């Protein structure tokens, strides 16, 4: 997988995702925060919405994308998600997490050139969404 070093802007994006989940963390309701940076440099953040029935849960990345689109922002540069530990976990540290498969599809659908910040071999890096979703399904025209 081709990875890129993080910039100061990328670290600010991680800090934004950390900030939103620190502020809005609620056990069993909100434990992942995401932040997206548009091509114009605007940061938009959101938290995931947990539901008792897991299928109804909506990921933070999806909510951040929807929030951005609802604010008429459609060109994305980079996205990151940060997980807050539950109170009963031994390690009480925020950590960057990789997007799930559905979020990879969503990010790719709305911004096929978007970078994703994640941890690889213990190091914070970024890569293109296409690296996380090779051979993406495409409709025939």
Protein backbone atom coordinates (compact mmCIF):
# COMPACT_ATOMS: atom_id res chain seq x y z
CA UNK A 1 0.00 0.00 0.00
CA UNK A 2 1.33 3.40 -0.95
CA UNK A 3 1.33 5.78 2.02
CA UNK A 4 2.16 9.45 2.49
CA UNK A 5 3.57 11.41 5.41
CA UNK A 6 1.16 13.56 7.34
CA UNK A 7 1.22 17.33 7.05
CA UNK A 8 0.43 19.91 9.73
CA UNK A 9 -3.06 20.19 8.18
CA UNK A 10 -3.50 16.43 8.59
CA UNK A 11 -2.55 16.64 12.26
CA UNK A 12 -5.08 19.45 12.70
CA UNK A 13 -7.71 17.18 11.15
CA UNK A 14 -6.83 14.38 13.60
CA UNK A 15 -7.05 16.90 16.45
CA UNK A 16 -10.51 17.98 15.23
CA UNK A 17 -11.74 14.37 15.19
CA UNK A 18 -10.30 13.87 18.68
CA UNK A 19 -11.94 17.06 19.89
CA UNK A 20 -15.41 16.16 18.66
CA UNK A 21 -15.36 12.70 20.23
CA UNK A 22 -13.87 13.94 23.51
CA UNK A 23 -16.62 16.53 23.71
CA UNK A 24 -19.52 14.29 22.67
CA UNK A 25 -18.48 10.84 23.92
CA UNK A 26 -21.36 8.99 25.52
CA UNK A 27 -20.91 5.33 26.51
CA UNK A 28 -22.89 3.04 24.19
CA UNK A 29 -24.04 6.01 22.07
CA UNK A 30 -21.10 7.90 20.58
CA UNK A 31 -17.56 6.53 20.65
CA UNK A 32 -16.19 7.42 17.20
CA UNK A 33 -15.61 10.90 15.86
CA UNK A 34 -14.62 11.77 12.30
CA UNK A 35 -13.36 14.88 10.59
CA UNK A 36 -13.20 15.62 6.91
CA UNK A 37 -11.25 18.38 5.19
CA UNK A 38 -12.60 19.77 1.96
CA UNK A 39 -10.41 20.68 -1.01
CA UNK A 40 -10.90 24.32 0.05
CA UNK A 41 -9.57 23.55 3.55
CA UNK A 42 -12.83 23.60 5.54
CA UNK A 43 -13.01 21.03 8.37
CA UNK A 44 -16.29 19.31 9.16
CA UNK A 45 -16.65 16.88 12.05
CA UNK A 46 -19.29 14.49 13.38
CA UNK A 47 -19.77 11.53 15.70
CA UNK A 48 -21.26 8.15 14.93
CA UNK A 49 -24.73 7.29 16.14
CA UNK A 50 -25.00 3.96 17.92
CA UNK A 51 -28.25 2.04 18.02
CA UNK A 52 -29.32 -0.92 20.11
CA UNK A 53 -29.89 -2.79 16.85
CA UNK A 54 -26.44 -2.69 15.25
CA UNK A 55 -27.72 -2.46 11.67
CA UNK A 56 -29.17 0.95 12.45
CA UNK A 57 -25.85 2.37 13.69
CA UNK A 58 -24.40 5.04 11.40
CA UNK A 59 -20.64 5.56 11.22
CA UNK A 60 -19.03 8.91 11.98
CA UNK A 61 -17.43 9.06 8.52
CA UNK A 62 -20.86 8.70 6.88
CA UNK A 63 -22.35 11.41 9.08
CA UNK A 64 -19.41 13.75 8.39
CA UNK A 65 -19.81 13.21 4.64
CA UNK A 66 -23.57 13.80 4.87
CA UNK A 67 -23.03 16.91 6.99
CA UNK A 68 -20.49 18.25 4.48
CA UNK A 69 -22.80 17.61 1.53
CA UNK A 70 -25.68 19.22 3.43
CA UNK A 71 -23.47 22.29 3.82
CA UNK A 72 -22.89 22.28 0.02
CA UNK A 73 -19.34 20.94 0.33
CA UNK A 74 -18.69 18.25 -2.27
CA UNK A 75 -14.96 18.04 -2.88
CA UNK A 76 -13.08 16.23 -0.12
CA UNK A 77 -9.35 16.05 0.46
CA UNK A 78 -8.81 13.95 3.60
CA UNK A 79 -10.87 12.09 6.22
CA UNK A 80 -10.01 10.53 9.58
CA UNK A 81 -11.90 8.68 12.31
CA UNK A 82 -10.91 8.50 15.99
CA UNK A 83 -12.25 5.99 18.51
CA UNK A 84 -12.80 6.84 22.18
CA UNK A 85 -12.39 3.90 24.59
CA UNK A 86 -15.32 2.69 26.65
CA UNK A 87 -14.99 3.28 30.43
CA UNK A 88 -14.31 -0.42 31.16
CA UNK A 89 -11.42 -0.76 28.68
CA UNK A 90 -7.91 -1.14 30.08
CA UNK A 91 -6.31 1.24 27.57
CA UNK A 92 -7.90 4.66 27.97
CA UNK A 93 -6.42 6.35 24.92
CA UNK A 94 -8.01 7.82 21.82
CA UNK A 95 -6.85 6.13 18.63
CA UNK A 96 -7.21 6.63 14.92
CA UNK A 97 -9.20 3.80 13.31
CA UNK A 98 -9.52 2.60 9.76
CA UNK A 99 -12.89 3.03 8.00
CA UNK A 100 -15.15 0.00 7.78
CA UNK A 101 -16.00 -1.50 4.40
CA UNK A 102 -19.24 0.45 4.00
CA UNK A 103 -17.46 3.72 4.79
CA UNK A 104 -14.72 2.88 2.31
CA UNK A 105 -17.40 2.49 -0.35
CA UNK A 106 -19.07 5.75 0.68
CA UNK A 107 -15.82 7.73 0.73
CA UNK A 108 -14.89 6.31 -2.67
CA UNK A 109 -18.33 7.03 -4.13
CA UNK A 110 -18.26 10.67 -3.08
CA UNK A 111 -14.55 11.40 -3.38
CA UNK A 112 -12.51 8.78 -5.26
CA UNK A 113 -9.29 10.78 -4.79
CA UNK A 114 -9.76 11.32 -1.05
CA UNK A 115 -6.95 10.55 1.38
CA UNK A 116 -7.66 8.53 4.52
CA UNK A 117 -5.58 8.87 7.67
CA UNK A 118 -5.02 5.57 9.47
CA UNK A 119 -2.48 3.58 11.45
CA UNK A 120 -0.21 1.16 9.58
CA UNK A 121 2.35 -0.85 11.54
CA UNK A 122 1.91 1.46 14.52
CA UNK A 123 2.53 4.61 12.48
CA UNK A 124 0.03 7.32 11.56
CA UNK A 125 -0.01 7.70 7.76
CA UNK A 126 -2.39 8.60 4.98
CA UNK A 127 -3.27 6.78 1.80
CA UNK A 128 -5.73 7.20 -1.05
CA UNK A 129 -9.13 5.56 -0.57
CA UNK A 130 -8.44 3.54 -3.73
CA UNK A 131 -5.64 1.76 -1.83
CA UNK A 132 -8.19 0.63 0.77
CA UNK A 133 -10.76 -0.38 -1.82
CA UNK A 134 -8.97 -1.91 -4.80
CA UNK A 135 -10.98 -3.21 -7.75
CA UNK A 136 -14.02 -1.19 -6.71
CA UNK A 137 -17.34 -2.27 -8.18
CA UNK A 138 -18.45 0.06 -10.97
CA UNK A 139 -21.71 0.15 -12.84
CA UNK A 140 -21.63 -0.46 -16.57
CA UNK A 141 -22.69 2.50 -18.64
